[in-house]
Amino acid sequence: MIEIIDYGMGNLRSVQKAFALLGFDARVTDDPARLKHASGVVLPGVGAFGKAMENLANTGFVDAILTEIERGKPFLGICLGLQLLLDESEERFSEHEPLPKGLGVIPGRVRKFPPGLKVPQIGWNKLHLSGPSRLYRGIEDGAYVYFVHSYYAEPQEASVVSTTTEYGVRFASSLEREHVMAVQFHPEKSSSVGLSILKNFGEVTNA
């Protein structure tokens, strides 16, 4: 069973329906204890970084997520779920506030797009494959996927970047390190390419 984390930040049912369409058992859960018995864990999300981390902490999911990642369980972050894997984010209400802290699974910072760009980036954009990836098996370089975001991930290590995308800057649109995978775009809204990506993750959970 693939467990999709419900912490009050995102349209989770569309992700669940996409997995179901592909023939994978998936359910939305607000119970951290269920992650222990999952075949894979999905962390979607839209909204503010700091609020998302607050919700994860208040619902008991922070420890549960870190425990399952440590155990080597397949994990997929989607959109905000990718950004939360990093150490910290520049997204805050005031410059006088400290940078909100993330899960710290992948070293790096979430940065705001440079001034002059229209944000959020909304719409279809290209993926440039950075190297072999289980998540992108069968996906061609230059495939289009659907984005909605105002911030992007800047990991410390280039080796964790599995795809890049250009929007004013070239940014990491996917991250992958061993069993931890994450995408900045919405695969559930990315037509056949997105379904292929979710299928690849589902097959990883069944391996």
N, C-alpha and C. Protein backbone atom coordinates (compact mmCIF):
# COMPACT_ATOMS: atom_id res chain seq x y z
N MET A 1 0.84 -1.19 0.00
CA MET A 1 0.00 0.00 0.00
C MET A 1 0.88 1.25 0.00
N ILE A 2 0.64 2.14 -0.96
CA ILE A 2 1.31 3.44 -0.99
C ILE A 2 0.52 4.40 -0.13
N GLU A 3 1.16 4.99 0.86
CA GLU A 3 0.50 5.94 1.76
C GLU A 3 0.80 7.37 1.31
N ILE A 4 -0.26 8.16 1.09
CA ILE A 4 -0.15 9.55 0.69
C ILE A 4 -0.46 10.41 1.91
N ILE A 5 0.49 11.20 2.33
CA ILE A 5 0.39 11.91 3.60
C ILE A 5 -0.57 13.10 3.51
N ASP A 6 -1.54 13.11 4.40
CA ASP A 6 -2.50 14.21 4.52
C ASP A 6 -2.14 15.05 5.73
N TYR A 7 -1.58 16.23 5.49
CA TYR A 7 -1.23 17.14 6.57
C TYR A 7 -1.86 18.52 6.33
N GLY A 8 -2.92 18.51 5.51
CA GLY A 8 -3.69 19.73 5.28
C GLY A 8 -3.10 20.68 4.26
N MET A 9 -2.23 20.16 3.35
CA MET A 9 -1.56 21.05 2.40
C MET A 9 -1.56 20.43 1.00
N GLY A 10 -2.70 20.41 0.32
CA GLY A 10 -2.64 19.96 -1.06
C GLY A 10 -3.83 19.14 -1.51
N ASN A 11 -3.92 18.98 -2.83
CA ASN A 11 -4.98 18.18 -3.43
C ASN A 11 -4.50 16.74 -3.51
N LEU A 12 -4.81 15.96 -2.49
CA LEU A 12 -4.26 14.62 -2.37
C LEU A 12 -5.04 13.60 -3.18
N ARG A 13 -6.32 13.82 -3.36
CA ARG A 13 -7.16 12.82 -4.03
C ARG A 13 -6.75 12.63 -5.48
N SER A 14 -6.29 13.69 -6.14
CA SER A 14 -5.89 13.54 -7.53
C SER A 14 -4.66 12.65 -7.65
N VAL A 15 -3.77 12.72 -6.66
CA VAL A 15 -2.60 11.83 -6.65
C VAL A 15 -3.05 10.39 -6.42
N GLN A 16 -3.95 10.21 -5.47
CA GLN A 16 -4.47 8.87 -5.19
C GLN A 16 -5.15 8.28 -6.42
N LYS A 17 -5.96 9.07 -7.10
CA LYS A 17 -6.69 8.59 -8.28
C LYS A 17 -5.73 8.22 -9.40
N ALA A 18 -4.64 8.97 -9.53
CA ALA A 18 -3.65 8.65 -10.56
C ALA A 18 -3.01 7.29 -10.29
N PHE A 19 -2.63 7.02 -9.04
CA PHE A 19 -2.07 5.72 -8.71
C PHE A 19 -3.09 4.60 -8.95
N ALA A 20 -4.34 4.87 -8.57
CA ALA A 20 -5.39 3.87 -8.76
C ALA A 20 -5.58 3.56 -10.24
N LEU A 21 -5.55 4.59 -11.08
CA LEU A 21 -5.68 4.41 -12.52
C LEU A 21 -4.58 3.50 -13.07
N LEU A 22 -3.41 3.58 -12.43
CA LEU A 22 -2.26 2.78 -12.86
C LEU A 22 -2.25 1.38 -12.25
N GLY A 23 -3.22 1.11 -11.37
CA GLY A 23 -3.33 -0.21 -10.79
C GLY A 23 -2.61 -0.41 -9.47
N PHE A 24 -2.21 0.68 -8.82
CA PHE A 24 -1.51 0.58 -7.54
C PHE A 24 -2.46 0.90 -6.38
N ASP A 25 -2.33 0.16 -5.31
CA ASP A 25 -3.10 0.44 -4.10
C ASP A 25 -2.50 1.65 -3.40
N ALA A 26 -3.29 2.68 -3.25
CA ALA A 26 -2.83 3.91 -2.59
C ALA A 26 -3.97 4.51 -1.80
N ARG A 27 -3.65 5.08 -0.66
CA ARG A 27 -4.68 5.74 0.13
C ARG A 27 -4.11 6.98 0.79
N VAL A 28 -4.98 7.90 1.07
CA VAL A 28 -4.62 9.12 1.80
C VAL A 28 -4.75 8.85 3.28
N THR A 29 -3.73 9.23 4.06
CA THR A 29 -3.77 8.97 5.49
C THR A 29 -3.33 10.18 6.29
N ASP A 30 -3.99 10.37 7.44
CA ASP A 30 -3.55 11.39 8.39
C ASP A 30 -3.00 10.74 9.65
N ASP A 31 -2.67 9.44 9.56
CA ASP A 31 -2.15 8.67 10.69
C ASP A 31 -0.69 8.32 10.45
N PRO A 32 0.26 8.94 11.16
CA PRO A 32 1.67 8.66 10.95
C PRO A 32 2.04 7.19 11.16
N ALA A 33 1.30 6.48 11.99
CA ALA A 33 1.62 5.08 12.28
C ALA A 33 1.48 4.20 11.04
N ARG A 34 0.67 4.62 10.08
CA ARG A 34 0.46 3.80 8.88
C ARG A 34 1.68 3.78 7.97
N LEU A 35 2.56 4.76 8.11
CA LEU A 35 3.74 4.79 7.26
C LEU A 35 4.64 3.58 7.50
N LYS A 36 4.61 3.06 8.71
CA LYS A 36 5.47 1.93 9.07
C LYS A 36 5.21 0.72 8.19
N HIS A 37 3.97 0.51 7.80
CA HIS A 37 3.59 -0.68 7.03
C HIS A 37 3.40 -0.39 5.54
N ALA A 38 3.73 0.82 5.11
CA ALA A 38 3.55 1.20 3.71
C ALA A 38 4.63 0.58 2.83
N SER A 39 4.27 0.34 1.56
CA SER A 39 5.27 -0.09 0.59
C SER A 39 6.03 1.11 0.04
N GLY A 40 5.39 2.28 0.10
CA GLY A 40 6.01 3.52 -0.32
C GLY A 40 5.26 4.69 0.29
N VAL A 41 5.93 5.84 0.39
CA VAL A 41 5.35 7.02 1.02
C VAL A 41 5.41 8.19 0.04
N VAL A 42 4.30 8.93 -0.07
CA VAL A 42 4.23 10.10 -0.95
C VAL A 42 3.89 11.33 -0.12
N LEU A 43 4.68 12.38 -0.30
CA LEU A 43 4.45 13.65 0.39
C LEU A 43 4.14 14.72 -0.65
N PRO A 44 2.86 14.98 -0.94
CA PRO A 44 2.51 16.07 -1.86
C PRO A 44 2.49 17.39 -1.09
N GLY A 45 2.01 18.43 -1.76
CA GLY A 45 1.85 19.68 -1.02
C GLY A 45 1.83 20.90 -1.91
N VAL A 46 1.00 21.87 -1.51
CA VAL A 46 1.01 23.21 -2.09
C VAL A 46 0.85 24.18 -0.93
N GLY A 47 1.38 25.40 -1.10
CA GLY A 47 1.24 26.38 -0.04
C GLY A 47 2.58 26.81 0.53
N ALA A 48 2.55 27.35 1.74
CA ALA A 48 3.73 27.95 2.36
C ALA A 48 4.60 26.91 3.05
N PHE A 49 5.90 27.05 2.87
CA PHE A 49 6.89 26.12 3.43
C PHE A 49 6.78 26.04 4.95
N GLY A 50 6.79 27.20 5.62
CA GLY A 50 6.76 27.22 7.08
C GLY A 50 5.51 26.59 7.65
N LYS A 51 4.37 26.90 7.04
CA LYS A 51 3.10 26.34 7.50
C LYS A 51 3.07 24.83 7.30
N ALA A 52 3.63 24.38 6.19
CA ALA A 52 3.67 22.94 5.93
C ALA A 52 4.50 22.21 6.99
N MET A 53 5.66 22.76 7.32
CA MET A 53 6.50 22.13 8.35
C MET A 53 5.80 22.14 9.71
N GLU A 54 5.09 23.24 9.99
CA GLU A 54 4.33 23.32 11.24
C GLU A 54 3.26 22.23 11.28
N ASN A 55 2.54 22.05 10.17
CA ASN A 55 1.50 21.03 10.12
C ASN A 55 2.08 19.62 10.26
N LEU A 56 3.21 19.38 9.59
CA LEU A 56 3.84 18.05 9.71
C LEU A 56 4.26 17.77 11.15
N ALA A 57 4.79 18.78 11.82
CA ALA A 57 5.21 18.60 13.20
C ALA A 57 4.01 18.37 14.11
N ASN A 58 2.96 19.16 13.91
CA ASN A 58 1.78 19.06 14.78
C ASN A 58 1.03 17.75 14.61
N THR A 59 1.13 17.14 13.43
CA THR A 59 0.42 15.89 13.17
C THR A 59 1.29 14.66 13.43
N GLY A 60 2.52 14.88 13.83
CA GLY A 60 3.40 13.76 14.16
C GLY A 60 4.09 13.13 12.96
N PHE A 61 4.02 13.78 11.81
CA PHE A 61 4.57 13.17 10.60
C PHE A 61 6.08 13.38 10.43
N VAL A 62 6.65 14.39 11.07
CA VAL A 62 8.08 14.64 10.88
C VAL A 62 8.90 13.42 11.28
N ASP A 63 8.71 12.95 12.50
CA ASP A 63 9.46 11.79 12.98
C ASP A 63 9.15 10.55 12.15
N ALA A 64 7.88 10.38 11.79
CA ALA A 64 7.48 9.20 11.01
C ALA A 64 8.15 9.20 9.63
N ILE A 65 8.20 10.35 8.98
CA ILE A 65 8.83 10.46 7.67
C ILE A 65 10.32 10.14 7.77
N LEU A 66 10.99 10.77 8.72
CA LEU A 66 12.44 10.57 8.86
C LEU A 66 12.77 9.13 9.21
N THR A 67 11.92 8.50 10.01
CA THR A 67 12.14 7.10 10.37
C THR A 67 12.05 6.20 9.15
N GLU A 68 11.02 6.40 8.32
CA GLU A 68 10.84 5.53 7.16
C GLU A 68 11.90 5.79 6.10
N ILE A 69 12.34 7.02 5.95
CA ILE A 69 13.44 7.30 5.02
C ILE A 69 14.71 6.62 5.51
N GLU A 70 14.95 6.67 6.81
CA GLU A 70 16.13 6.02 7.40
C GLU A 70 16.07 4.51 7.18
N ARG A 71 14.89 3.96 7.19
CA ARG A 71 14.71 2.52 6.98
C ARG A 71 14.89 2.11 5.52
N GLY A 72 14.95 3.08 4.63
CA GLY A 72 15.14 2.78 3.22
C GLY A 72 13.88 2.60 2.42
N LYS A 73 12.77 3.11 2.93
CA LYS A 73 11.49 2.95 2.23
C LYS A 73 11.40 3.92 1.05
N PRO A 74 10.88 3.47 -0.11
CA PRO A 74 10.70 4.39 -1.24
C PRO A 74 9.85 5.59 -0.86
N PHE A 75 10.33 6.76 -1.22
CA PHE A 75 9.68 8.02 -0.82
C PHE A 75 9.62 8.94 -2.03
N LEU A 76 8.45 9.58 -2.23
CA LEU A 76 8.28 10.53 -3.33
C LEU A 76 7.71 11.84 -2.80
N GLY A 77 8.45 12.92 -2.99
CA GLY A 77 7.96 14.26 -2.68
C GLY A 77 7.44 14.92 -3.95
N ILE A 78 6.31 15.61 -3.85
CA ILE A 78 5.71 16.27 -5.00
C ILE A 78 5.52 17.75 -4.70
N CYS A 79 6.04 18.62 -5.58
CA CYS A 79 5.91 20.08 -5.48
C CYS A 79 6.48 20.58 -4.14
N LEU A 80 5.65 21.09 -3.25
CA LEU A 80 6.14 21.52 -1.94
C LEU A 80 6.80 20.35 -1.20
N GLY A 81 6.35 19.14 -1.48
CA GLY A 81 6.94 17.96 -0.85
C GLY A 81 8.40 17.77 -1.21
N LEU A 82 8.82 18.25 -2.39
CA LEU A 82 10.25 18.26 -2.73
C LEU A 82 10.99 19.28 -1.88
N GLN A 83 10.46 20.49 -1.82
CA GLN A 83 11.15 21.56 -1.10
C GLN A 83 11.33 21.25 0.37
N LEU A 84 10.36 20.56 0.96
CA LEU A 84 10.43 20.26 2.40
C LEU A 84 11.57 19.31 2.74
N LEU A 85 12.11 18.61 1.76
CA LEU A 85 13.22 17.69 2.01
C LEU A 85 14.53 18.42 2.30
N LEU A 86 14.62 19.70 1.90
CA LEU A 86 15.85 20.45 2.07
C LEU A 86 15.98 21.03 3.48
N ASP A 87 17.12 21.69 3.73
CA ASP A 87 17.42 22.20 5.08
C ASP A 87 16.56 23.39 5.48
N GLU A 88 16.35 24.32 4.53
CA GLU A 88 15.66 25.56 4.87
C GLU A 88 15.15 26.22 3.60
N SER A 89 14.31 27.25 3.81
CA SER A 89 13.70 27.95 2.68
C SER A 89 13.75 29.46 2.86
N GLU A 90 13.89 30.16 1.75
CA GLU A 90 13.84 31.62 1.78
C GLU A 90 12.41 32.15 1.86
N GLU A 91 11.43 31.27 1.83
CA GLU A 91 10.02 31.68 1.88
C GLU A 91 9.64 32.04 3.31
N ARG A 92 9.40 33.31 3.56
CA ARG A 92 8.99 33.78 4.89
C ARG A 92 8.21 35.07 4.74
N PHE A 93 7.49 35.44 5.76
CA PHE A 93 6.63 36.62 5.69
C PHE A 93 7.42 37.91 5.84
N SER A 94 8.55 37.87 6.54
CA SER A 94 9.33 39.07 6.79
C SER A 94 10.82 38.73 6.74
N GLU A 95 11.63 39.66 6.25
CA GLU A 95 13.07 39.45 6.21
C GLU A 95 13.67 39.38 7.60
N HIS A 96 12.92 39.85 8.59
CA HIS A 96 13.42 39.83 9.96
C HIS A 96 13.21 38.46 10.62
N GLU A 97 12.43 37.62 10.00
CA GLU A 97 12.20 36.28 10.54
C GLU A 97 13.33 35.35 10.14
N PRO A 98 13.65 34.36 10.98
CA PRO A 98 14.64 33.36 10.58
C PRO A 98 14.10 32.50 9.44
N LEU A 99 14.99 31.92 8.67
CA LEU A 99 14.55 31.04 7.59
C LEU A 99 13.91 29.80 8.19
N PRO A 100 12.72 29.42 7.72
CA PRO A 100 12.08 28.21 8.24
C PRO A 100 12.88 26.97 7.87
N LYS A 101 12.96 26.03 8.81
CA LYS A 101 13.74 24.82 8.63
C LYS A 101 12.89 23.71 8.01
N GLY A 102 13.53 22.91 7.14
CA GLY A 102 12.86 21.78 6.52
C GLY A 102 13.24 20.48 7.20
N LEU A 103 13.03 19.38 6.49
CA LEU A 103 13.30 18.05 7.05
C LEU A 103 14.78 17.74 7.08
N GLY A 104 15.57 18.41 6.26
CA GLY A 104 17.02 18.20 6.28
C GLY A 104 17.46 16.85 5.74
N VAL A 105 16.66 16.27 4.87
CA VAL A 105 17.02 14.98 4.27
C VAL A 105 18.07 15.17 3.18
N ILE A 106 17.93 16.23 2.39
CA ILE A 106 18.86 16.56 1.33
C ILE A 106 19.44 17.94 1.62
N PRO A 107 20.75 18.06 1.82
CA PRO A 107 21.35 19.37 2.12
C PRO A 107 21.09 20.38 1.02
N GLY A 108 20.67 21.57 1.41
CA GLY A 108 20.43 22.63 0.44
C GLY A 108 19.38 23.61 0.92
N ARG A 109 19.10 24.58 0.07
CA ARG A 109 18.15 25.66 0.42
C ARG A 109 17.14 25.84 -0.70
N VAL A 110 15.93 26.23 -0.31
CA VAL A 110 14.88 26.58 -1.26
C VAL A 110 14.97 28.09 -1.51
N ARG A 111 15.09 28.47 -2.78
CA ARG A 111 15.30 29.87 -3.12
C ARG A 111 14.13 30.44 -3.93
N LYS A 112 13.98 31.76 -3.86
CA LYS A 112 12.94 32.43 -4.63
C LYS A 112 13.47 32.75 -6.02
N PHE A 113 12.58 32.67 -7.03
CA PHE A 113 12.99 33.04 -8.38
C PHE A 113 13.46 34.49 -8.40
N PRO A 114 14.41 34.82 -9.28
CA PRO A 114 14.96 36.18 -9.33
C PRO A 114 13.90 37.22 -9.66
N PRO A 115 14.10 38.47 -9.24
CA PRO A 115 13.18 39.55 -9.59
C PRO A 115 13.06 39.70 -11.11
N GLY A 116 11.86 40.08 -11.55
CA GLY A 116 11.63 40.27 -12.97
C GLY A 116 10.91 39.11 -13.64
N LEU A 117 10.92 37.95 -12.98
CA LEU A 117 10.20 36.81 -13.52
C LEU A 117 8.77 36.81 -13.00
N LYS A 118 7.86 36.38 -13.83
CA LYS A 118 6.48 36.22 -13.39
C LYS A 118 6.38 34.99 -12.49
N VAL A 119 5.93 35.23 -11.26
CA VAL A 119 5.77 34.11 -10.33
C VAL A 119 4.35 34.13 -9.78
N PRO A 120 3.79 32.94 -9.52
CA PRO A 120 4.45 31.65 -9.70
C PRO A 120 4.62 31.28 -11.17
N GLN A 121 5.56 30.37 -11.42
CA GLN A 121 5.61 29.73 -12.73
C GLN A 121 4.40 28.80 -12.81
N ILE A 122 3.52 29.06 -13.74
CA ILE A 122 2.33 28.22 -13.91
C ILE A 122 2.28 27.75 -15.35
N GLY A 123 2.28 26.44 -15.53
CA GLY A 123 2.14 25.90 -16.88
C GLY A 123 3.16 24.83 -17.20
N TRP A 124 3.23 24.50 -18.48
CA TRP A 124 4.07 23.40 -18.95
C TRP A 124 5.49 23.87 -19.23
N ASN A 125 6.44 23.03 -18.85
CA ASN A 125 7.85 23.34 -19.11
C ASN A 125 8.62 22.04 -19.29
N LYS A 126 9.82 22.16 -19.85
CA LYS A 126 10.61 20.98 -20.22
C LYS A 126 11.43 20.43 -19.06
N LEU A 127 11.62 19.11 -19.10
CA LEU A 127 12.56 18.42 -18.23
C LEU A 127 13.82 18.09 -19.02
N HIS A 128 14.97 18.39 -18.45
CA HIS A 128 16.25 17.99 -19.03
C HIS A 128 16.85 16.94 -18.11
N LEU A 129 16.98 15.73 -18.61
CA LEU A 129 17.47 14.62 -17.80
C LEU A 129 18.95 14.80 -17.49
N SER A 130 19.31 14.59 -16.21
CA SER A 130 20.69 14.78 -15.79
C SER A 130 21.48 13.48 -15.73
N GLY A 131 20.79 12.35 -15.81
CA GLY A 131 21.47 11.07 -15.73
C GLY A 131 20.48 9.96 -15.49
N PRO A 132 20.97 8.73 -15.35
CA PRO A 132 20.07 7.59 -15.13
C PRO A 132 19.21 7.80 -13.88
N SER A 133 17.95 7.41 -13.98
CA SER A 133 17.01 7.58 -12.87
C SER A 133 15.91 6.55 -12.98
N ARG A 134 15.61 5.88 -11.88
CA ARG A 134 14.50 4.93 -11.89
C ARG A 134 13.17 5.64 -12.12
N LEU A 135 13.07 6.88 -11.65
CA LEU A 135 11.82 7.62 -11.79
C LEU A 135 11.54 8.00 -13.25
N TYR A 136 12.60 8.14 -14.05
CA TYR A 136 12.44 8.60 -15.43
C TYR A 136 12.71 7.51 -16.46
N ARG A 137 12.57 6.28 -16.05
CA ARG A 137 12.73 5.18 -16.99
C ARG A 137 11.68 5.29 -18.10
N GLY A 138 12.13 5.33 -19.33
CA GLY A 138 11.22 5.44 -20.47
C GLY A 138 10.78 6.85 -20.81
N ILE A 139 11.23 7.84 -20.05
CA ILE A 139 10.88 9.24 -20.31
C ILE A 139 11.96 9.88 -21.17
N GLU A 140 11.57 10.55 -22.24
CA GLU A 140 12.53 11.19 -23.13
C GLU A 140 12.97 12.55 -22.60
N ASP A 141 14.22 12.89 -22.89
CA ASP A 141 14.72 14.21 -22.56
C ASP A 141 13.89 15.26 -23.30
N GLY A 142 13.52 16.33 -22.60
CA GLY A 142 12.70 17.38 -23.20
C GLY A 142 11.21 17.19 -23.01
N ALA A 143 10.82 16.15 -22.27
CA ALA A 143 9.39 15.93 -22.00
C ALA A 143 8.82 17.11 -21.21
N TYR A 144 7.55 17.40 -21.47
CA TYR A 144 6.88 18.52 -20.79
C TYR A 144 6.07 18.03 -19.60
N VAL A 145 6.13 18.80 -18.51
CA VAL A 145 5.32 18.52 -17.32
C VAL A 145 4.76 19.84 -16.80
N TYR A 146 3.83 19.74 -15.85
CA TYR A 146 3.07 20.93 -15.41
C TYR A 146 3.56 21.44 -14.05
N PHE A 147 3.94 22.71 -14.02
CA PHE A 147 4.48 23.35 -12.81
C PHE A 147 3.53 24.40 -12.25
N VAL A 148 3.57 24.56 -10.92
CA VAL A 148 2.96 25.70 -10.23
C VAL A 148 3.82 25.97 -9.00
N HIS A 149 4.73 26.96 -9.08
CA HIS A 149 5.60 27.24 -7.91
C HIS A 149 6.30 28.59 -8.07
N SER A 150 6.66 29.17 -6.92
CA SER A 150 7.36 30.45 -6.86
C SER A 150 8.78 30.31 -6.33
N TYR A 151 9.11 29.14 -5.80
CA TYR A 151 10.43 28.87 -5.23
C TYR A 151 10.98 27.60 -5.84
N TYR A 152 12.29 27.44 -5.78
CA TYR A 152 12.91 26.26 -6.36
C TYR A 152 14.02 25.74 -5.44
N ALA A 153 14.34 24.48 -5.59
CA ALA A 153 15.34 23.85 -4.74
C ALA A 153 16.75 24.08 -5.29
N GLU A 154 17.67 24.34 -4.38
CA GLU A 154 19.09 24.45 -4.72
C GLU A 154 19.87 23.53 -3.80
N PRO A 155 20.00 22.26 -4.18
CA PRO A 155 20.74 21.31 -3.33
C PRO A 155 22.23 21.59 -3.35
N GLN A 156 22.92 21.21 -2.29
CA GLN A 156 24.36 21.42 -2.21
C GLN A 156 25.12 20.52 -3.17
N GLU A 157 24.61 19.32 -3.39
CA GLU A 157 25.31 18.33 -4.20
C GLU A 157 24.61 18.16 -5.55
N ALA A 158 25.36 18.35 -6.63
CA ALA A 158 24.80 18.20 -7.97
C ALA A 158 24.40 16.76 -8.25
N SER A 159 25.00 15.81 -7.54
CA SER A 159 24.74 14.39 -7.80
C SER A 159 23.31 13.98 -7.50
N VAL A 160 22.57 14.76 -6.70
CA VAL A 160 21.19 14.39 -6.36
C VAL A 160 20.18 14.94 -7.37
N VAL A 161 20.63 15.74 -8.32
CA VAL A 161 19.73 16.35 -9.31
C VAL A 161 19.49 15.37 -10.44
N SER A 162 18.24 14.97 -10.64
CA SER A 162 17.92 14.02 -11.71
C SER A 162 17.34 14.69 -12.95
N THR A 163 16.73 15.88 -12.78
CA THR A 163 16.32 16.69 -13.94
C THR A 163 16.51 18.16 -13.60
N THR A 164 16.69 18.96 -14.65
CA THR A 164 16.69 20.42 -14.50
C THR A 164 15.66 21.01 -15.45
N THR A 165 15.26 22.24 -15.16
CA THR A 165 14.30 22.98 -15.98
C THR A 165 14.73 24.44 -16.01
N GLU A 166 14.44 25.13 -17.10
CA GLU A 166 14.81 26.53 -17.22
C GLU A 166 13.59 27.44 -17.08
N TYR A 167 13.70 28.36 -16.14
CA TYR A 167 12.69 29.42 -16.00
C TYR A 167 13.40 30.63 -15.40
N GLY A 168 14.03 31.41 -16.26
CA GLY A 168 14.86 32.52 -15.78
C GLY A 168 16.22 32.03 -15.31
N VAL A 169 16.23 30.96 -14.55
CA VAL A 169 17.44 30.26 -14.13
C VAL A 169 17.24 28.78 -14.44
N ARG A 170 18.33 28.04 -14.50
CA ARG A 170 18.23 26.59 -14.61
C ARG A 170 18.17 26.04 -13.19
N PHE A 171 17.08 25.39 -12.86
CA PHE A 171 16.90 24.91 -11.48
C PHE A 171 16.68 23.39 -11.45
N ALA A 172 16.87 22.82 -10.29
CA ALA A 172 16.66 21.38 -10.10
C ALA A 172 15.16 21.11 -10.02
N SER A 173 14.63 20.45 -11.05
CA SER A 173 13.19 20.16 -11.06
C SER A 173 12.88 18.77 -10.52
N SER A 174 13.91 17.95 -10.31
CA SER A 174 13.74 16.65 -9.66
C SER A 174 15.01 16.31 -8.89
N LEU A 175 14.82 15.63 -7.78
CA LEU A 175 15.94 15.16 -6.96
C LEU A 175 15.80 13.66 -6.75
N GLU A 176 16.93 12.99 -6.66
CA GLU A 176 16.89 11.55 -6.40
C GLU A 176 18.18 11.14 -5.69
N ARG A 177 18.02 10.50 -4.55
CA ARG A 177 19.15 9.94 -3.82
C ARG A 177 18.72 8.61 -3.23
N GLU A 178 19.23 7.54 -3.83
CA GLU A 178 18.86 6.19 -3.43
C GLU A 178 17.34 6.03 -3.51
N HIS A 179 16.68 5.77 -2.40
CA HIS A 179 15.24 5.50 -2.40
C HIS A 179 14.40 6.77 -2.24
N VAL A 180 15.04 7.93 -2.09
CA VAL A 180 14.32 9.21 -1.93
C VAL A 180 14.25 9.91 -3.28
N MET A 181 13.04 10.16 -3.75
CA MET A 181 12.82 10.82 -5.03
C MET A 181 11.86 11.98 -4.83
N ALA A 182 12.00 13.03 -5.64
CA ALA A 182 11.12 14.18 -5.48
C ALA A 182 11.05 14.97 -6.78
N VAL A 183 9.87 15.54 -7.05
CA VAL A 183 9.66 16.33 -8.27
C VAL A 183 9.02 17.66 -7.90
N GLN A 184 9.47 18.73 -8.57
CA GLN A 184 8.91 20.05 -8.30
C GLN A 184 7.56 20.25 -8.98
N PHE A 185 7.33 19.54 -10.06
CA PHE A 185 6.09 19.67 -10.82
C PHE A 185 5.00 18.75 -10.27
N HIS A 186 3.85 18.76 -10.94
CA HIS A 186 2.73 17.92 -10.52
C HIS A 186 2.56 16.77 -11.52
N PRO A 187 3.05 15.58 -11.22
CA PRO A 187 2.88 14.46 -12.16
C PRO A 187 1.42 14.09 -12.39
N GLU A 188 0.59 14.29 -11.37
CA GLU A 188 -0.83 13.95 -11.51
C GLU A 188 -1.57 14.89 -12.45
N LYS A 189 -0.91 16.00 -12.84
CA LYS A 189 -1.50 16.96 -13.79
C LYS A 189 -0.71 17.01 -15.09
N SER A 190 0.21 16.07 -15.26
CA SER A 190 1.16 16.13 -16.39
C SER A 190 0.89 15.07 -17.45
N SER A 191 -0.36 14.73 -17.64
CA SER A 191 -0.78 13.85 -18.72
C SER A 191 -0.02 12.52 -18.70
N SER A 192 0.27 11.97 -19.86
CA SER A 192 0.87 10.64 -19.95
C SER A 192 2.27 10.60 -19.38
N VAL A 193 3.01 11.69 -19.50
CA VAL A 193 4.36 11.72 -18.93
C VAL A 193 4.30 11.60 -17.41
N GLY A 194 3.40 12.36 -16.80
CA GLY A 194 3.25 12.29 -15.35
C GLY A 194 2.82 10.93 -14.87
N LEU A 195 1.90 10.30 -15.61
CA LEU A 195 1.45 8.96 -15.23
C LEU A 195 2.60 7.95 -15.34
N SER A 196 3.45 8.11 -16.34
CA SER A 196 4.60 7.22 -16.48
C SER A 196 5.56 7.37 -15.30
N ILE A 197 5.73 8.60 -14.83
CA ILE A 197 6.60 8.84 -13.68
C ILE A 197 6.02 8.20 -12.43
N LEU A 198 4.71 8.37 -12.21
CA LEU A 198 4.07 7.73 -11.05
C LEU A 198 4.11 6.22 -11.17
N LYS A 199 3.98 5.70 -12.37
CA LYS A 199 4.07 4.26 -12.59
C LYS A 199 5.46 3.74 -12.22
N ASN A 200 6.48 4.49 -12.62
CA ASN A 200 7.84 4.10 -12.27
C ASN A 200 8.05 4.07 -10.75
N PHE A 201 7.48 5.07 -10.05
CA PHE A 201 7.61 5.06 -8.60
C PHE A 201 6.84 3.88 -8.01
N GLY A 202 5.64 3.63 -8.52
CA GLY A 202 4.86 2.50 -8.03
C GLY A 202 5.60 1.19 -8.20
N GLU A 203 6.32 1.03 -9.31
CA GLU A 203 7.07 -0.20 -9.53
C GLU A 203 8.26 -0.31 -8.59
N VAL A 204 8.84 0.83 -8.21
CA VAL A 204 9.91 0.81 -7.22
C VAL A 204 9.38 0.29 -5.88
N THR A 205 8.16 0.70 -5.52
CA THR A 205 7.60 0.27 -4.24
C THR A 205 7.28 -1.22 -4.24
N ASN A 206 7.08 -1.80 -5.41
CA ASN A 206 6.76 -3.22 -5.52
C ASN A 206 7.99 -4.10 -5.71
N ALA A 207 9.14 -3.46 -5.87
CA ALA A 207 10.38 -4.23 -6.15
C ALA A 207 10.79 -5.04 -4.93
